[in-house]
Structures are given as C-alpha cells and as structure tokens.
Amino acid sequence: MFALKQTSLLLGKRDPHHVIVSGSYIPTDPEEAKYGSVFFVFTLKDVRELASEIKSIILEGFRQHFYQDLERNPEQSFEETLQAINDNGSKLADAEGIDWSESLNVAMVVFSGNDLHLSVGGQSSIYLLRGKHLTNISEGLNPESDHQAQKIFFSLASGNLLASDKIVLSTENLGEIVDLNALKAKLGSDHITEGESIPALSHATLAIVSCQIATSGGRAKTADITESKTEKYIPTKMSVGKSKLANTWDILKGNVQKNIERIFDRNRPFVRKPFTLSKLLMFAGIGLIVVVGIYMLISYQRDSGNRQNIETLVAQASRDREDAKTRAIYDKESAKNLLLADQKKLSDALPGAKDVVLVAQINGELVEIRTLLETIDNVFRIEDPKVAFDLSKERSNFDGKGMLRVGNDMYAFDSDALYKLVVDKIDRRTVVVNGNTTSSIALATPITKDNIIELYTTDKQLIEYKGGNFTPITAPGENANWQNAVDVAEYVDRRFMYFLDPGNNTIWRYGRDQNTFQAAVAKNVAKLDFSKAVSLAIDGAVYVLTSDGNITKTYADEKKDFEIDGLTDPLSEPTKILADKNQDTGRLYILDPKNSRVVVLSKSGKYEAQYIFPGYNDLLDIELVPSLTKDQLMVMTRSGKVLQVELK
C-alpha cells in the first residue's frame, strides 16, 4: 500500500462561468482505507448550482456501495459504485433537463493496494507518469458511438502501480491544449506549487496523485472532501459512447477463491451423516468449483508470467534506446535495426497486455522509439509551417495545378491564371490567361534560357507566356498536334522540353530553336516500362517516378542503376519528382501526398531526409528556391497555400 500525496496544477486562464471541483475520500477506518482511496475531479458547465449535488452523488455512491463488502474484489465494488452513480446521475439529469455529455467532464480513480481502478466521463482523461513516459491510460473508456445523454460513466480499466508513479486526473484531453513534453517535464519535477498555473490553449484542472513508499506505520494522510475555486473551462462538445461496465477475470477469480475458502474451512467440525442425493449434488458442485479454481489459478499464473515477460521486454527496449543513441553516431543502420526490432517485439506484445498500466508502458516506449528513429533518420515534422502565400485569398475560385521557377522568379498556376510570387515579400502579381483559351491549364514548364513559360492545357494545346503576353504555339510536324503528357519538364542547360507520355510508354523531347519548336523525338530507346509513370525530372540524366514508388534513371538513352536505399517507410502513390542542378552530388525531392511528406534522396538513390507536414492532406507540388544561406523548399497545396521550409 502506497502513501498518496495530492497536488493540483492549472492550465490556462480562469473563467467564472464554469465550476471545477476536485476531491478525495480516504476513509479513517484502516481496513476501508486499505481497501481503497478515492480521488476525483470534475468540471460542470452552465449549471454551476448542481456542483454540490454531483459531489454528493459521487461520495454517497462510494459510502453506500464501494465499502459494503471488504472481502469482495475492489474492481467489482468500483463497478457497482459507478452504476449507482450513473443511476442517480440519470435521475438528476432527467429532473433538470441536462445532457451530461455536454455539461460534465469527470475523471475518477481508486487506489487499492498496488492496484489502480479508473473511469472517466465526458472529455476528461487520466494519465500515467512513469519514469520519462506520460501516457493516456483512459483512452477508449468513453466510446463515441451510441450516445446516451444521461449516462456519466461507460467503462472502467484497472492496472498495477509502482512506487514513484504519478497519476494525473484532467478535466480535458491534454494532447489538444498543451505541449505534452513541456507538461511531462513539469510533472516530473519536485517543484510543483499547489494550484500553480501554466499556459495552455484552454483551461484544464489537473489533480496529481503521487505514489510513495509508505514508511513503517505511515499511511496516506486522511482528507476530507475539498472543492477548488471556480476555474475557467472552454467547452467542446463530444458524443459519449455506450459500453457496459464489465467484470474481469480477476473478479471471478476472487469470488471463486472466497467460495473455496468457505467450503474448506478447517475450523468447522466434521460430522458424518447419511450420504443423500443432495450431498451428492453438493459435492459435485464443490468439485466443479475446484476445477474452475484450478483453471483460474493456472490462467492467473500464465497471465502473471506473460506480464513479467512484457515488463522485461519494455525494460530491455528502454536500455536498447540508450544504446542506439550511441550507435547512431558511428553506425546509423545498426542503431535503426536495433530500434526496429524492439518496435516489432513491443507491437506484437501489445495485444497480450491486459493491464492498462502495462499497455501505457508499451505505448510510451513505442512513442520514444519512434521519436528516436525519426531523429536518426532525419525526419523533420513541420507542425506549424510558414505559409508564404495563400492564393485562395487572391481568388475565391482558385483551383491549384502547380508551381514552377523561371530564373529567380516563382510562379504558381491554376486552371486559368498565373501568379507571380515574390518570396519573403507580400508583393504578389496575378496575371490571368487569355480569355480565348477554350480549355484549362494542366501543366507548365519554364524554358529558362529564353525566360518563358510553356503552359500545356487539358486539350493538348500549348500556350507560351513571355513578357506579359500569352501566345498559342502551333505544334511542329505535319499533324500539328502536341503529344499527350502527364508531366512536362525542361533540361535547363538546353532548350529542350520533355513530355512524359505513359499511354505510349515513352518520353517525347521537343527542341526549341529561337521562336519555333522542332518535331518530337521519342526518347525511350531502352524500351523501359513507363506505363505507371507520373512525373519526371532532368539534370542531364532523366529520372522517371512511377505511382508504385519506383524511380527509373537513364542517361544518354541508357538505363542506369538506381534503387531507393535506406527509406524505412516506402513511398505510397508519390506524384512529383524534382531534381536540383548538381548531377553528381545533388538531391532528388519526392512528393508523397498520401503520407503528407517530401522525401529527399541523393542522386544515387540513398535516403537522406524527409519533411512531414501533419494535417496537410492535399499537397500538390514542390519547388526549390536557392539561397546564399539555406535553400528553401516551397510546397503548394491544392487549396492554394504555399508553404515555405528551410532545408536542413
């Protein structure tokens, strides 16, 4: 049994319109205190006057139901108590016309010896701080389906505690309102002042209960119910799920054990009586109970052994992480392989972890492994990228198609307009395409040597933009038709324009001589498979990207060896490839919208880095802006935002 110490922490500013109540009930009777101590926190919105009634319902529920039978499994008593709180809460909601899912967030825990039992209502959450891990252990206890407005609690969970664990009861889901790493550092310190406040996007009250080893004769300090001052709460609506409060095998095991103890009580006198049919049935029942008890004992031992194996696995993974940090300095591949092996073992062990605290340990370790893997792998998560331009504000009907760079000038284009972008300046000029154009712009490429832009339309026309004018260009050859294309690109050192044509399994090259183009030349001399091609890039060599994530490299019409090497998570339906000018030591940039990222490879295919844009699911195009200090990566979304990232 631990000595329990409670403190509180406030997130965000106060708001007088909502009331926050935190409380604890630690019985003065030693046997009841050993059986379980209760801690809770709740926020009540718009119906402040009911706070005392809610508190009374919680306390009376525990006094009348939880401590009724101290020989019963505490989890079973906790379940019965939650059901009683639900029943009385439902009556109050009906009488007042209240929807608890919109008005009440509540988190509740019971400490029983080394065990923890917990439940939540509304948007409250409960976290475990163990070592360096802060994990939400109440996730999934409030399903969002089958909404029941009058029900407060839906499910419960249980797990084992260790000395120095901290349990954090919160009136909000913290991941949405505060930096969890900063909060974890604060919670891990020994300098939390009671009622201390830290910045957050909205308010939450945290009740923090620390588990400490009790000194001889020592115990947790008894406490009466306490109510905090009114705090701010910014409400958000959540549909509350429907789920039964479920008994566990531990409860059944406890009940069987008690029955066996009563049956085999050696203090009872033994009296020989006639062997009747009722006795035969009684002994048959005893035999059945013994068999079930043995089965449960074997199951318990198996579960206990499984738990020990998982705990050993988690501990080993933690040690391997420290080892991997050292290995990464001189052998990144070895470090990655070590972490990936532990990641797989932990993921495989997760379904067999029935203890909510053990699940939290595994998930916490998996998060740490993923973070370290990303550090070793040069994975940069751009959580809040700079929005250099928002073209949707320029035109309400913006329909993004792509970007390109002509010398030092950047352009974006949609179905009927060009946008000249001045990087790092608010100046922006929009040029609308000639209104006589009968089809939409689909693709564009510069001819850098002539400072012009070639616009390819959906009906295979070519429109040339130069000096502010748009001029239709007639295709060379007898039929005067431009070839099909899913992507177009220039070779900047020559006046060459390339059309990628997977339908005809080729690449067409158009040479330009002053103001006219030469006839198209098919460039798939090596007879490669371009049927899945989606994009191409040229730096002297030609790189063709396919929808299944492969890249083909040719030079002087000959296929060259090229294989992506070192990318942990393969490309998934990539859409764009971009090459810088340096053919030997330069880089390739691959747009992978399905994974919201840009992957960086060397020109030989070796993985170098990746930039992930969480929450951006409509990445459309990429372009590079060279700089004397750090080159800039420009990423355009379909909705018209142009994101700017400094390359590492």
Foldseek 3Di string as FASTA:
>chain_A
DFAKDKFKEKEAAFDQQKFKWWWKAQDPPPLVNLAKIKTKIKIFGNCRVCVVVLVVLLVVLCVVQQVPDSLARSLVSVQSSLVSSLVVQLVVCVVVVFQCLFTMWMKMWMDHPQKIKIWIFHAKWKWKQDPQFTFTLHPPQWDQPPFDRSGGGAEMAMFGHDAFMKMKTKSHDQVVKDDVNVVSVVVPDPDDDHHHYDYINFIMMIMMMHTHHADVVGHHDGDGTDTDGHGGGDTDGTGTHHHHHDDDLVSVLSVLVVVLCVVVVVVDDDDDDDCDPVNVVVVVVVVVSVVVNVVSVVVVVVLVVLLVVLVVLLVVLVVLLVVLVVCLVPPLVVSLVSLVVSLVVLVVSLVSDRHSVSNSSSVRSNVVSVVSNQVSQAEAEPADFDFQDFCCVVPVPFFWAEWADQVQWIWTDGFFWIKIGDGPDPDIDIAGHDPVDPFTFHAKEDQNVQSKIWTATPVQWIWIDDPSDIHTAFADDDVRGHDDALYWYAQNVFQWIWGQDQVVQFIWIWHDDVPHIDHTDTLQPVSDRCNQWQEWEDQQWIWTAGQCQDIWIDHPSHTDDADAPDDPDGAHRWHYWYWDNDQQFTWIWIHRLCQQKIWIAGNRNYGDHMYHHPPQNFWRYWDWRDDPPFIWIWIAGRSRTIGIDTDD
